[in-house]
């Protein structure tokens, strides 16, 4: 229940604080006094778009604060959730708009988001105004009305989850097919590249060894001449290194008999002589082994050309070429496995598709049963709202081309539709529905959006609201100009209907009609005054004589006669008696 509402610096409201009680609260006042501004303020708490234009001129920020009391005889799930989360069934919500564009939202002084605020307030407050009347003309609202009336939300949610899974798997298959097609298109190139690399039989760092060999083959003569010269210096020439070392070694060996400390040096020279001999013999063998080989040089040159071409194409080194070949093998194997994966996904898709269809058909069956009950209930409720000959039907169509409305729900909402056999599914199911209506006997039912007058639409919406309200435990219902297009006896019946609805819910009604206002348990009047050049809106509760005067004003305008006051008194008395009967009946 909405307990308190505080509004500051919002539109033409300076500061306003009002308490709400259970039952029916009526709000009256002259046109333009600011009654609908209250609805706009509450809409902010329901997540409507906040704009700096809503801030009172000369102020830096506007604030709307509401206190909800969720305690009641029948604790709702939301009440239990709030008790668990906040430790109390009293919850304070606040939304602040700033000229800087910084908007803030609080729940029990905890900073939160507009989305979370909207989720919290959903089910607590419902506003019915001219805008919502227009929404009730849309087929989407018709389907949601049927689901709410029939308590089908869980069934709808279960189906929606299956449909979402269906879309997900279909998306995965499309991606796999696109990926497989891309791989298929590149398959011939991959085969060519892999064959090219395999044919070359590339080895890691092979190019380094071949470059060394190429240099050797290019300079055979220089190598032979140099090696021969070195061998002669070390061994063959007169006075060669090995001969000089041998002489030195012999001298030190002889001297070692005189001084033993020279013997190790003589031994070192002996080792050096053997080393020089080994080097010279190796140089001799090298000179004999190395030969010019033009054919081998040509092969090496061609091999290096092949390797460099492959390295340029596939990564810059023989290691990169080999790694690229392995990647090609994996991609070709993946191409082969794509079809297997797609086939498995399609089998899973078929199961989900059939599951979605079964759930959609079950949901459609439930909706059709509900629609029949809803039609009868609306007709019965409408009769109490002075439409005794009202006929109300819900018409269904399964296919897009036979939709009762001119434009399909999927086309309007942008929802992806999926055909399963002869049925077309979207996230709401397979049903396309529209409300059909006739107010007068002997006339065919026609789309409500085309033939319902303002007064008829107001009463139909009220009837639907009343029926839907029976399905919820705790909801504050706010009606803004529910009396549009009606008057006289019809207005009185609407007032009684609102009074009956207030037996189960907190109801707030903004009205211009005394026939409705007289049924209020609480009566507030909104007035507008000017102080120091600024417009100020006030909201005061009326009781006793003040209320009588307001009802008389609504009946007679500016000049109120004794007869008008008597009429107002009679209306209040009659409404009080009717309320007593409704309470006893309830």
Protein backbone atom coordinates (compact mmCIF):
# COMPACT_ATOMS: atom_id res chain seq x y z
CA UNK A 1 0.00 0.00 0.00
CA UNK A 2 1.16 3.54 -0.78
CA UNK A 3 1.35 5.25 2.62
CA UNK A 4 3.07 8.57 1.97
CA UNK A 5 3.95 10.64 -1.08
CA UNK A 6 6.25 13.65 -0.96
CA UNK A 7 6.96 15.82 -3.99
CA UNK A 8 9.29 18.80 -4.11
CA UNK A 9 10.16 21.21 -6.93
CA UNK A 10 8.32 19.13 -9.49
CA UNK A 11 6.55 21.02 -12.31
CA UNK A 12 4.37 23.63 -10.53
CA UNK A 13 4.54 21.79 -7.19
CA UNK A 14 6.78 23.48 -4.64
CA UNK A 15 6.47 21.12 -1.68
CA UNK A 16 3.68 18.61 -1.28
CA UNK A 17 3.25 15.87 1.29
CA UNK A 18 0.19 13.66 1.44
CA UNK A 19 -0.77 10.50 3.33
CA UNK A 20 -2.83 7.77 1.73
CA UNK A 21 -5.00 5.26 3.53
CA UNK A 22 -6.70 2.05 2.52
CA UNK A 23 -9.87 1.96 0.47
CA UNK A 24 -10.86 4.51 -2.16
CA UNK A 25 -9.13 7.89 -2.26
CA UNK A 26 -10.58 10.47 -4.66
CA UNK A 27 -8.72 13.53 -5.86
CA UNK A 28 -10.66 16.44 -7.33
CA UNK A 29 -9.98 20.02 -8.29
CA UNK A 30 -10.31 22.52 -11.07
CA UNK A 31 -8.83 21.73 -14.48
CA UNK A 32 -5.16 22.73 -14.58
CA UNK A 33 -4.74 22.69 -10.80
CA UNK A 34 -2.11 19.95 -11.03
CA UNK A 35 -3.99 16.71 -10.39
CA UNK A 36 -2.31 14.84 -13.24
CA UNK A 37 1.09 16.09 -12.08
CA UNK A 38 0.70 13.69 -9.15
CA UNK A 39 0.37 10.83 -11.63
CA UNK A 40 3.43 12.04 -13.54
CA UNK A 41 5.40 12.11 -10.30
CA UNK A 42 4.39 8.57 -9.38
CA UNK A 43 5.23 7.48 -12.93
CA UNK A 44 8.82 8.49 -12.21
CA UNK A 45 8.89 5.79 -9.51
CA UNK A 46 7.63 3.30 -12.09
CA UNK A 47 10.62 3.99 -14.32
CA UNK A 48 9.32 6.63 -16.72
CA UNK A 49 11.88 8.87 -18.38
CA UNK A 50 13.09 11.73 -16.20
CA UNK A 51 13.72 15.10 -17.79
CA UNK A 52 15.11 18.39 -16.54
CA UNK A 53 11.94 19.99 -17.95
CA UNK A 54 10.06 18.45 -15.01
CA UNK A 55 12.09 20.44 -12.48
CA UNK A 56 10.32 23.51 -11.09
CA UNK A 57 11.57 26.73 -12.62
CA UNK A 58 14.35 28.25 -10.49
CA UNK A 59 15.21 24.96 -8.72
CA UNK A 60 18.24 22.75 -9.22
CA UNK A 61 16.58 19.42 -8.56
CA UNK A 62 13.20 17.75 -8.10
CA UNK A 63 12.48 14.86 -5.75
CA UNK A 64 9.68 12.32 -5.53
CA UNK A 65 9.58 10.13 -2.42
CA UNK A 66 7.10 7.38 -1.62
CA UNK A 67 6.67 5.16 1.43
CA UNK A 68 5.19 1.74 0.79
CA UNK A 69 3.79 -0.46 3.51
CA UNK A 70 3.71 -4.06 2.30
CA UNK A 71 2.20 -5.55 5.45
CA UNK A 72 -1.25 -7.04 5.12
CA UNK A 73 -3.40 -9.97 5.98
CA UNK A 74 -2.24 -11.80 2.84
CA UNK A 75 1.51 -11.38 2.62
CA UNK A 76 2.55 -11.41 -1.01
CA UNK A 77 5.76 -12.91 -2.31
CA UNK A 78 7.08 -9.36 -2.81
CA UNK A 79 6.32 -8.57 0.87
CA UNK A 80 8.34 -11.56 1.98
CA UNK A 81 11.16 -10.64 -0.38
CA UNK A 82 11.29 -7.09 0.97
CA UNK A 83 11.17 -8.31 4.55
CA UNK A 84 14.10 -10.61 3.83
CA UNK A 85 16.08 -7.91 1.98
CA UNK A 86 15.37 -4.82 4.05
CA UNK A 87 14.31 -6.32 7.36
CA UNK A 88 11.02 -4.41 7.17
CA UNK A 89 7.83 -4.35 5.13
CA UNK A 90 8.04 -0.54 5.09
CA UNK A 91 10.11 0.58 2.13
CA UNK A 92 11.05 4.16 1.23
CA UNK A 93 11.79 4.85 -2.43
CA UNK A 94 13.11 8.14 -3.81
CA UNK A 95 14.02 9.47 -7.20
CA UNK A 96 15.82 12.77 -7.76
CA UNK A 97 16.13 14.71 -11.02
CA UNK A 98 18.86 17.31 -11.40
CA UNK A 99 19.36 20.13 -13.89
CA UNK A 100 22.90 18.78 -14.36
CA UNK A 101 21.38 15.63 -15.79
CA UNK A 102 22.46 13.52 -12.83
CA UNK A 103 19.48 11.43 -11.73
CA UNK A 104 19.62 9.35 -8.56
CA UNK A 105 17.45 6.53 -7.27
CA UNK A 106 17.30 5.22 -3.69
CA UNK A 107 15.50 2.34 -2.00
CA UNK A 108 15.69 2.62 1.80
CA UNK A 109 18.57 5.09 1.36
CA UNK A 110 20.51 2.57 -0.71
CA UNK A 111 21.63 3.96 -4.07
CA UNK A 112 20.21 1.83 -6.87
CA UNK A 113 19.21 1.99 -10.54
CA UNK A 114 16.04 2.97 -12.34
CA UNK A 115 15.75 -0.61 -13.60
CA UNK A 116 15.78 -2.06 -10.08
CA UNK A 117 13.34 0.61 -8.92
CA UNK A 118 10.99 -0.32 -11.78
CA UNK A 119 11.22 -4.01 -10.87
CA UNK A 120 10.49 -3.21 -7.24
CA UNK A 121 7.45 -1.02 -7.96
CA UNK A 122 6.02 -3.40 -10.56
CA UNK A 123 3.06 -5.09 -8.89
CA UNK A 124 2.86 -2.43 -6.18
CA UNK A 125 1.44 0.43 -8.23
CA UNK A 126 -0.60 0.36 -11.42
CA UNK A 127 -1.63 3.56 -13.18
CA UNK A 128 -4.56 3.64 -15.57
CA UNK A 129 -4.91 6.81 -17.62
CA UNK A 130 -5.73 7.89 -21.14
CA UNK A 131 -2.34 6.63 -22.32
CA UNK A 132 -3.01 3.17 -20.91
CA UNK A 133 -6.47 3.20 -22.46
CA UNK A 134 -4.73 3.49 -25.81
CA UNK A 135 -2.36 0.68 -24.87
CA UNK A 136 -5.36 -1.56 -24.23
CA UNK A 137 -6.18 -1.16 -27.90
CA UNK A 138 -2.94 -2.91 -28.86
CA UNK A 139 -2.99 -6.70 -29.46
CA UNK A 140 0.13 -7.10 -27.29
CA UNK A 141 -1.83 -5.78 -24.31
CA UNK A 142 -4.70 -8.12 -25.17
CA UNK A 143 -2.45 -11.17 -24.95
CA UNK A 144 -0.88 -10.00 -21.69
CA UNK A 145 -4.36 -9.37 -20.27
CA UNK A 146 -5.41 -12.93 -21.06
CA UNK A 147 -2.23 -14.32 -19.46
CA UNK A 148 -2.70 -12.25 -16.31
CA UNK A 149 -6.37 -13.06 -16.00
CA UNK A 150 -5.71 -16.78 -16.40
CA UNK A 151 -2.66 -16.80 -14.12
CA UNK A 152 -0.61 -18.13 -17.01
CA UNK A 153 2.59 -16.18 -16.23
CA UNK A 154 4.59 -19.28 -15.23
CA UNK A 155 3.44 -21.15 -18.31
CA UNK A 156 4.37 -18.15 -20.46
CA UNK A 157 7.78 -17.92 -18.78
CA UNK A 158 8.47 -21.64 -19.29
CA UNK A 159 7.61 -21.36 -22.97
CA UNK A 160 9.66 -18.14 -23.35
CA UNK A 161 12.72 -19.92 -21.96
CA UNK A 162 12.28 -22.78 -24.43
CA UNK A 163 11.78 -20.32 -27.29
CA UNK A 164 14.94 -18.45 -26.25
CA UNK A 165 16.83 -21.77 -26.27
CA UNK A 166 15.38 -22.50 -29.71
CA UNK A 167 16.64 -19.14 -31.01
CA UNK A 168 20.05 -19.71 -29.41
CA UNK A 169 20.55 -23.12 -31.03
CA UNK A 170 19.33 -21.80 -34.39
CA UNK A 171 21.84 -18.95 -34.12
CA UNK A 172 24.62 -21.42 -33.30
CA UNK A 173 23.72 -23.54 -36.33
CA UNK A 174 23.70 -20.47 -38.59
CA UNK A 175 27.13 -19.53 -37.28
CA UNK A 176 28.42 -23.09 -37.77
CA UNK A 177 27.09 -23.18 -41.31
CA UNK A 178 28.62 -19.82 -42.11
CA UNK A 179 31.90 -20.98 -40.60
CA UNK A 180 31.73 -24.27 -42.51
CA UNK A 181 31.00 -22.41 -45.74
CA UNK A 182 33.95 -20.09 -45.18
CA UNK A 183 36.17 -23.08 -44.49
CA UNK A 184 34.81 -24.86 -47.54
CA UNK A 185 35.58 -21.88 -49.71
CA UNK A 186 39.18 -21.90 -48.42
CA UNK A 187 39.56 -25.67 -48.48
CA UNK A 188 41.09 -25.84 -51.98
CA UNK A 189 43.63 -23.17 -51.09
CA UNK A 190 44.51 -24.97 -47.86
CA UNK A 191 45.01 -28.25 -49.74
CA UNK A 192 47.31 -26.48 -52.20
CA UNK A 193 49.34 -24.79 -49.46
CA UNK A 194 49.69 -27.97 -47.41
CA UNK A 195 50.73 -29.98 -50.47
CA UNK A 196 53.26 -27.30 -51.37
CA UNK A 197 54.81 -27.42 -47.89
CA UNK A 198 54.69 -31.22 -47.64
CA UNK A 199 56.31 -31.58 -51.06
CA UNK A 200 59.19 -29.35 -49.97
CA UNK A 201 59.80 -31.48 -46.84
CA UNK A 202 60.94 -28.49 -44.86
CA UNK A 203 63.19 -29.05 -41.85
CA UNK A 204 63.77 -26.68 -38.94
CA UNK A 205 66.71 -24.25 -39.58
CA UNK A 206 67.53 -26.05 -42.83
CA UNK A 207 68.13 -22.71 -44.54
CA UNK A 208 71.00 -21.87 -42.14
CA UNK A 209 72.91 -25.04 -43.01
CA UNK A 210 72.31 -24.59 -46.71
CA UNK A 211 73.52 -20.99 -46.66
CA UNK A 212 76.77 -22.18 -45.02
CA UNK A 213 77.17 -24.90 -47.65
CA UNK A 214 76.49 -22.42 -50.46
CA UNK A 215 79.26 -20.14 -49.22
CA UNK A 216 81.64 -23.09 -49.06
CA UNK A 217 80.84 -24.23 -52.60
CA UNK A 218 81.15 -20.72 -53.98
CA UNK A 219 84.73 -20.31 -52.58
CA UNK A 220 86.32 -23.77 -53.05
CA UNK A 221 89.52 -22.49 -54.64
CA UNK A 222 90.07 -19.86 -52.00
CA UNK A 223 89.50 -22.40 -49.29
CA UNK A 224 91.90 -24.96 -50.84
CA UNK A 225 94.62 -22.36 -51.35
CA UNK A 226 94.31 -20.99 -47.85
CA UNK A 227 94.24 -24.42 -46.22
CA UNK A 228 97.31 -25.54 -48.21
CA UNK A 229 99.21 -22.43 -47.18
CA UNK A 230 98.32 -22.97 -43.53
CA UNK A 231 99.33 -26.65 -43.73
CA UNK A 232 102.71 -25.74 -45.20
CA UNK A 233 103.35 -23.14 -42.49
CA UNK A 234 102.46 -25.59 -39.79
CA UNK A 235 104.13 -28.73 -41.12
CA UNK A 236 105.60 -28.91 -44.63
CA UNK A 237 107.88 -25.88 -45.09
CA UNK A 238 111.50 -25.77 -43.85
CA UNK A 239 111.38 -24.28 -40.39
CA UNK A 240 107.66 -25.05 -40.06
CA UNK A 241 105.86 -24.53 -36.79
CA UNK A 242 105.96 -28.20 -35.86
CA UNK A 243 109.74 -28.30 -36.47
CA UNK A 244 110.33 -25.20 -34.32
CA UNK A 245 108.18 -26.57 -31.53
CA UNK A 246 110.09 -29.88 -31.63
CA UNK A 247 113.42 -28.06 -31.27
CA UNK A 248 112.19 -26.07 -28.32
CA UNK A 249 110.76 -29.19 -26.70
CA UNK A 250 114.13 -31.04 -27.04
CA UNK A 251 116.04 -28.09 -25.50
CA UNK A 252 113.75 -27.93 -22.48
CA UNK A 253 113.78 -31.71 -22.08
CA UNK A 254 117.57 -31.70 -21.92
CA UNK A 255 117.59 -28.79 -19.49
CA UNK A 256 115.11 -30.65 -17.35
CA UNK A 257 117.96 -32.87 -16.21
CA UNK A 258 119.56 -29.80 -14.69
CA UNK A 259 116.36 -28.18 -13.45
CA UNK A 260 113.31 -30.46 -12.97
CA UNK A 261 110.99 -27.46 -13.02
CA UNK A 262 111.47 -27.23 -16.84
CA UNK A 263 110.18 -30.76 -17.44
CA UNK A 264 106.45 -29.74 -17.33
CA UNK A 265 107.15 -27.06 -19.91
CA UNK A 266 108.86 -29.60 -22.14
CA UNK A 267 105.83 -31.89 -21.78
CA UNK A 268 103.51 -29.02 -22.71
CA UNK A 269 105.51 -28.38 -25.85
CA UNK A 270 105.28 -32.08 -26.65
CA UNK A 271 101.48 -31.85 -26.45
CA UNK A 272 101.57 -28.68 -28.54
CA UNK A 273 103.64 -30.45 -31.21
CA UNK A 274 101.12 -33.27 -31.39
CA UNK A 275 98.30 -30.72 -31.64
CA UNK A 276 99.98 -28.88 -34.48
CA UNK A 277 100.51 -32.17 -36.28
CA UNK A 278 96.82 -33.06 -35.86
CA UNK A 279 95.73 -29.69 -37.23
CA UNK A 280 98.09 -29.95 -40.17
CA UNK A 281 96.90 -33.48 -41.01
CA UNK A 282 93.25 -32.30 -40.80
CA UNK A 283 94.07 -29.41 -43.14
CA UNK A 284 95.71 -31.85 -45.57
CA UNK A 285 92.60 -34.08 -45.48
CA UNK A 286 90.31 -31.05 -45.91
CA UNK A 287 92.30 -29.89 -48.93
CA UNK A 288 92.04 -33.34 -50.49
CA UNK A 289 88.32 -33.63 -49.67
CA UNK A 290 87.03 -30.25 -50.79
CA UNK A 291 86.22 -30.17 -54.46
CA UNK A 292 84.32 -27.84 -56.72
CA UNK A 293 80.76 -29.21 -57.38
CA UNK A 294 78.75 -26.93 -59.69
CA UNK A 295 75.79 -29.33 -59.70
CA UNK A 296 75.60 -29.38 -55.91
CA UNK A 297 75.91 -25.59 -55.79
CA UNK A 298 73.05 -25.28 -58.26
CA UNK A 299 70.88 -27.63 -56.15
CA UNK A 300 71.66 -25.67 -52.96
CA UNK A 301 70.78 -22.42 -54.69
CA UNK A 302 67.44 -23.85 -55.87
CA UNK A 303 66.68 -25.35 -52.47
CA UNK A 304 67.36 -22.03 -50.73
CA UNK A 305 65.14 -20.26 -53.26
CA UNK A 306 62.33 -22.72 -52.53
CA UNK A 307 62.71 -22.32 -48.77
CA UNK A 308 62.84 -18.52 -48.91
CA UNK A 309 59.71 -18.43 -51.06
CA UNK A 310 57.87 -20.60 -48.55
CA UNK A 311 59.19 -18.54 -45.63
CA UNK A 312 58.02 -15.34 -47.29
CA UNK A 313 54.53 -16.80 -47.77
CA UNK A 314 54.11 -18.56 -44.43
CA UNK A 315 55.86 -16.72 -41.63
CA UNK A 316 59.52 -15.82 -42.21
CA UNK A 317 61.27 -18.96 -40.97
CA UNK A 318 61.27 -22.70 -41.56
CA UNK A 319 59.82 -23.12 -38.05
CA UNK A 320 56.89 -20.84 -39.00
CA UNK A 321 56.38 -22.77 -42.26
CA UNK A 322 56.15 -26.05 -40.35
CA UNK A 323 53.73 -24.54 -37.81
CA UNK A 324 51.58 -23.17 -40.65
CA UNK A 325 51.42 -26.63 -42.18
CA UNK A 326 50.17 -28.03 -38.88
CA UNK A 327 47.52 -25.30 -38.68
CA UNK A 328 46.39 -26.18 -42.22
CA UNK A 329 46.04 -29.84 -41.23
CA UNK A 330 43.90 -28.86 -38.20
CA UNK A 331 41.68 -26.56 -40.27
CA UNK A 332 41.14 -29.25 -42.89
CA UNK A 333 40.24 -31.71 -40.14
CA UNK A 334 37.85 -29.09 -38.66
CA UNK A 335 36.19 -28.74 -42.07
CA UNK A 336 35.48 -32.44 -42.01
CA UNK A 337 34.10 -32.24 -38.44
CA UNK A 338 31.84 -29.22 -39.20
CA UNK A 339 29.22 -31.37 -40.87
CA UNK A 340 29.23 -33.79 -37.94
CA UNK A 341 28.77 -30.94 -35.43
CA UNK A 342 26.03 -29.33 -37.53
CA UNK A 343 24.23 -32.66 -37.78
CA UNK A 344 24.35 -33.10 -33.99
CA UNK A 345 23.11 -29.54 -33.45
CA UNK A 346 20.26 -30.04 -35.88
CA UNK A 347 19.15 -33.15 -34.00
CA UNK A 348 19.13 -31.14 -30.76
CA UNK A 349 17.32 -28.31 -32.58
CA UNK A 350 14.56 -30.61 -33.72
CA UNK A 351 13.93 -31.73 -30.14
CA UNK A 352 13.81 -28.14 -28.88
CA UNK A 353 11.61 -27.12 -31.83
CA UNK A 354 9.08 -29.83 -31.00
CA UNK A 355 9.25 -28.94 -27.29
CA UNK A 356 8.59 -25.28 -28.10
CA UNK A 357 5.66 -26.21 -30.33
CA UNK A 358 4.13 -28.49 -27.68
CA UNK A 359 4.47 -25.79 -25.02
CA UNK A 360 3.07 -23.16 -27.39
CA UNK A 361 0.07 -25.37 -28.21
CA UNK A 362 -0.54 -26.06 -24.52
CA UNK A 363 -0.29 -22.34 -23.80
CA UNK A 364 -2.68 -21.58 -26.64
CA UNK A 365 -5.14 -24.10 -25.26
CA UNK A 366 -4.95 -22.47 -21.82
CA UNK A 367 -5.39 -19.03 -23.37
CA UNK A 368 -8.49 -20.08 -25.28
CA UNK A 369 -10.11 -21.39 -22.12
CA UNK A 370 -9.12 -18.22 -20.31
CA UNK A 371 -10.37 -16.02 -23.17
CA UNK A 372 -13.83 -17.55 -22.95
CA UNK A 373 -13.97 -16.92 -19.21
CA UNK A 374 -12.60 -13.40 -19.67
CA UNK A 375 -15.27 -12.55 -22.24
CA UNK A 376 -18.07 -13.62 -19.90
CA UNK A 377 -16.48 -11.84 -16.95
CA UNK A 378 -16.06 -8.57 -18.89
CA UNK A 379 -19.67 -8.72 -20.06
CA UNK A 380 -20.87 -9.28 -16.50
CA UNK A 381 -18.71 -6.50 -15.08
CA UNK A 382 -19.63 -4.14 -17.93
CA UNK A 383 -23.30 -4.65 -17.16
CA UNK A 384 -22.67 -3.18 -13.71
CA UNK A 385 -21.04 -0.22 -15.49
CA UNK A 386 -24.23 0.60 -17.41
CA UNK A 387 -23.41 -1.45 -20.51
CA UNK A 388 -26.00 -4.23 -20.11
CA UNK A 389 -25.90 -5.23 -23.79
CA UNK A 390 -22.11 -5.35 -24.02
CA UNK A 391 -20.67 -8.28 -25.92
CA UNK A 392 -16.96 -8.94 -25.52
CA UNK A 393 -15.00 -11.59 -27.38
CA UNK A 394 -11.37 -12.57 -27.81
CA UNK A 395 -10.65 -13.74 -31.33
CA UNK A 396 -7.64 -15.89 -32.14
CA UNK A 397 -5.66 -16.67 -35.27
CA UNK A 398 -2.67 -18.99 -35.54
CA UNK A 399 -1.07 -17.63 -38.69
CA UNK A 400 0.34 -14.24 -39.57
CA UNK A 401 -1.85 -13.96 -42.67
CA UNK A 402 -5.03 -14.47 -40.64
CA UNK A 403 -4.22 -12.23 -37.68
CA UNK A 404 -7.29 -10.44 -36.28
CA UNK A 405 -5.33 -7.19 -36.28
CA UNK A 406 -3.99 -5.62 -39.42
CA UNK A 407 -0.39 -5.80 -38.24
CA UNK A 408 1.15 -8.87 -36.64
CA UNK A 409 2.58 -8.73 -33.15
CA UNK A 410 5.95 -10.00 -34.34
CA UNK A 411 6.16 -7.33 -37.03
CA UNK A 412 5.33 -4.52 -34.60
CA UNK A 413 7.58 -5.63 -31.79
CA UNK A 414 10.47 -6.74 -33.94
CA UNK A 415 10.33 -10.21 -32.40
CA UNK A 416 11.91 -12.92 -34.51
CA UNK A 417 9.24 -15.40 -35.61
CA UNK A 418 10.11 -19.04 -36.26
CA UNK A 419 7.99 -21.37 -38.35
CA UNK A 420 7.51 -24.86 -36.94
CA UNK A 421 5.43 -26.92 -39.34
CA UNK A 422 2.26 -24.97 -40.04
CA UNK A 423 2.68 -22.75 -36.98
CA UNK A 424 4.56 -19.50 -36.56
CA UNK A 425 6.12 -19.02 -33.10
CA UNK A 426 7.54 -15.99 -31.40
CA UNK A 427 8.53 -15.28 -27.79
CA UNK A 428 4.86 -14.90 -26.81
CA UNK A 429 3.68 -18.16 -28.39
CA UNK A 430 1.70 -18.85 -31.53
CA UNK A 431 -1.42 -16.84 -30.70
CA UNK A 432 -2.47 -13.65 -32.43
CA UNK A 433 -5.41 -12.14 -30.58
CA UNK A 434 -7.62 -9.07 -30.62
CA UNK A 435 -10.47 -7.89 -28.42
CA UNK A 436 -13.77 -7.58 -30.24
CA UNK A 437 -16.60 -5.55 -28.80
CA UNK A 438 -20.19 -4.52 -29.32
CA UNK A 439 -22.02 -2.09 -27.02
CA UNK A 440 -25.45 -2.28 -28.61
CA UNK A 441 -27.83 -5.22 -29.13
CA UNK A 442 -28.12 -6.56 -32.67
CA UNK A 443 -24.71 -5.28 -33.76
CA UNK A 444 -21.84 -7.55 -34.71
CA UNK A 445 -18.74 -7.52 -32.57
CA UNK A 446 -15.94 -5.56 -34.17
CA UNK A 447 -12.35 -4.73 -33.18
CA UNK A 448 -12.48 -2.71 -29.97
CA UNK A 449 -9.79 -0.39 -31.30
CA UNK A 450 -12.06 0.69 -34.15
CA UNK A 451 -15.50 1.14 -32.63
CA UNK A 452 -15.25 1.79 -28.86
CA UNK A 453 -16.09 5.37 -27.86
CA UNK A 454 -14.12 7.18 -25.16
CA UNK A 455 -16.72 6.41 -22.49
CA UNK A 456 -17.06 2.79 -23.56
CA UNK A 457 -13.31 2.32 -23.64
CA UNK A 458 -12.96 3.82 -20.15
CA UNK A 459 -15.51 1.37 -18.78
CA UNK A 460 -14.01 -1.62 -20.60
CA UNK A 461 -10.57 -0.73 -19.24
CA UNK A 462 -12.04 -0.33 -15.76
CA UNK A 463 -13.74 -3.72 -16.09
CA UNK A 464 -10.49 -5.33 -17.18
CA UNK A 465 -8.57 -3.60 -14.40
CA UNK A 466 -11.08 -4.80 -11.84
CA UNK A 467 -10.90 -8.37 -13.12
CA UNK A 468 -7.10 -8.36 -13.21
CA UNK A 469 -6.91 -6.81 -9.76
CA UNK A 470 -8.64 -9.87 -8.34
CA UNK A 471 -5.57 -11.87 -9.35
CA UNK A 472 -3.12 -9.81 -7.27
CA UNK A 473 -2.72 -9.57 -3.51
CA UNK A 474 -1.21 -6.11 -2.98
CA UNK A 475 -1.46 -3.42 -5.61
CA UNK A 476 -2.26 0.27 -5.46
CA UNK A 477 -4.50 1.12 -8.40
CA UNK A 478 -4.41 4.70 -9.63
CA UNK A 479 -7.08 5.84 -12.11
CA UNK A 480 -6.51 9.11 -13.91
CA UNK A 481 -9.68 10.40 -15.63
CA UNK A 482 -11.41 7.02 -15.64
CA UNK A 483 -14.59 9.08 -16.04
CA UNK A 484 -13.70 10.24 -19.55
CA UNK A 485 -16.78 10.31 -21.77
CA UNK A 486 -19.30 9.25 -19.11
CA UNK A 487 -21.72 10.92 -16.74
CA UNK A 488 -25.03 10.57 -14.92
CA UNK A 489 -26.13 7.06 -13.99
CA UNK A 490 -23.07 5.52 -15.70
CA UNK A 491 -20.75 7.62 -13.57
CA UNK A 492 -22.55 6.46 -10.45
CA UNK A 493 -22.06 2.86 -11.47
CA UNK A 494 -18.39 3.47 -12.17
CA UNK A 495 -18.12 4.98 -8.68
CA UNK A 496 -19.72 1.89 -7.17
CA UNK A 497 -17.35 -0.32 -9.16
CA UNK A 498 -14.35 1.60 -7.86
CA UNK A 499 -15.74 1.34 -4.34
CA UNK A 500 -16.12 -2.41 -4.71
CA UNK A 501 -12.60 -2.67 -6.08
CA UNK A 502 -11.33 -0.74 -3.07
CA UNK A 503 -12.56 -3.55 -0.81
CA UNK A 504 -9.53 -5.57 -2.00
CA UNK A 505 -7.09 -2.89 -3.12
CA UNK A 506 -5.97 0.59 -2.33
CA UNK A 507 -7.56 2.71 -5.08
CA UNK A 508 -6.72 6.32 -5.95
CA UNK A 509 -8.98 8.02 -8.48
CA UNK A 510 -8.56 11.44 -10.06
CA UNK A 511 -12.00 12.53 -11.19
CA UNK A 512 -14.12 15.46 -12.35
CA UNK A 513 -17.44 13.76 -11.57
CA UNK A 514 -19.26 14.14 -8.25
CA UNK A 515 -20.99 10.79 -8.83
CA UNK A 516 -17.59 9.14 -8.45
CA UNK A 517 -16.07 11.51 -5.87
CA UNK A 518 -18.88 10.88 -3.38
CA UNK A 519 -17.81 7.23 -3.02
CA UNK A 520 -14.37 8.08 -1.67
CA UNK A 521 -13.22 6.93 1.75
CA UNK A 522 -10.76 9.82 1.58
CA UNK A 523 -11.22 12.97 -0.44
CA UNK A 524 -8.43 15.33 -1.45
CA UNK A 525 -8.76 18.54 -3.41
CA UNK A 526 -5.92 19.96 -5.48
CA UNK A 527 -5.80 23.74 -5.74
CA UNK A 528 -3.54 26.25 -7.39
CA UNK A 529 -2.66 29.67 -5.97
CA UNK A 530 -0.17 32.44 -6.70
CA UNK A 531 2.24 33.68 -4.05
CA UNK A 532 4.86 36.36 -4.71
CA UNK A 533 4.54 35.81 -8.43
CA UNK A 534 4.99 32.03 -8.22
CA UNK A 535 2.36 29.35 -8.79
CA UNK A 536 1.91 26.94 -5.90
CA UNK A 537 -0.08 23.73 -5.97
CA UNK A 538 -1.56 22.44 -2.72
CA UNK A 539 -3.42 19.24 -1.84
CA UNK A 540 -5.73 19.17 1.16
CA UNK A 541 -7.91 16.45 2.62
CA UNK A 542 -11.59 17.33 2.86
CA UNK A 543 -13.99 16.16 5.54
CA UNK A 544 -17.46 17.09 6.68
CA UNK A 545 -18.73 20.42 5.37
CA UNK A 546 -15.63 21.03 3.24
CA UNK A 547 -16.26 17.84 1.33
CA UNK A 548 -19.92 18.69 0.93
CA UNK A 549 -18.95 22.06 -0.54
CA UNK A 550 -16.54 20.40 -3.03
CA UNK A 551 -19.18 17.94 -4.20
CA UNK A 552 -21.62 20.84 -4.56
CA UNK A 553 -19.02 22.79 -6.55
CA UNK A 554 -18.57 19.83 -8.88
CA UNK A 555 -22.33 19.70 -9.31
CA UNK A 556 -23.11 23.37 -9.71
CA UNK A 557 -19.97 25.27 -10.63
CA UNK A 558 -19.06 28.64 -9.09
CA UNK A 559 -22.54 29.57 -7.77
CA UNK A 560 -23.69 27.00 -5.28
CA UNK A 561 -27.34 27.08 -4.24
CA UNK A 562 -29.08 25.45 -1.32
CA UNK A 563 -30.57 22.92 -3.73
CA UNK A 564 -27.09 22.06 -5.01
CA UNK A 565 -25.85 21.51 -1.46
CA UNK A 566 -28.90 19.36 -0.73
CA UNK A 567 -28.22 17.33 -3.84
CA UNK A 568 -24.60 16.92 -2.80
CA UNK A 569 -25.64 15.84 0.69
CA UNK A 570 -28.06 13.32 -0.79
CA UNK A 571 -25.35 11.92 -3.08
CA UNK A 572 -22.93 11.50 -0.17
CA UNK A 573 -25.60 9.84 1.95
CA UNK A 574 -26.61 7.47 -0.82
CA UNK A 575 -22.96 6.61 -1.56
CA UNK A 576 -22.38 5.90 2.13
CA UNK A 577 -25.33 3.49 2.22
CA UNK A 578 -24.16 1.77 -0.96
CA UNK A 579 -20.68 1.44 0.50
CA UNK A 580 -22.16 -0.20 3.58
CA UNK A 581 -24.02 -2.75 1.45
CA UNK A 582 -20.86 -3.48 -0.55
CA UNK A 583 -18.90 -3.98 2.64
CA UNK A 584 -21.47 -6.38 4.07
CA UNK A 585 -21.64 -8.20 0.75
CA UNK A 586 -17.88 -8.38 0.55
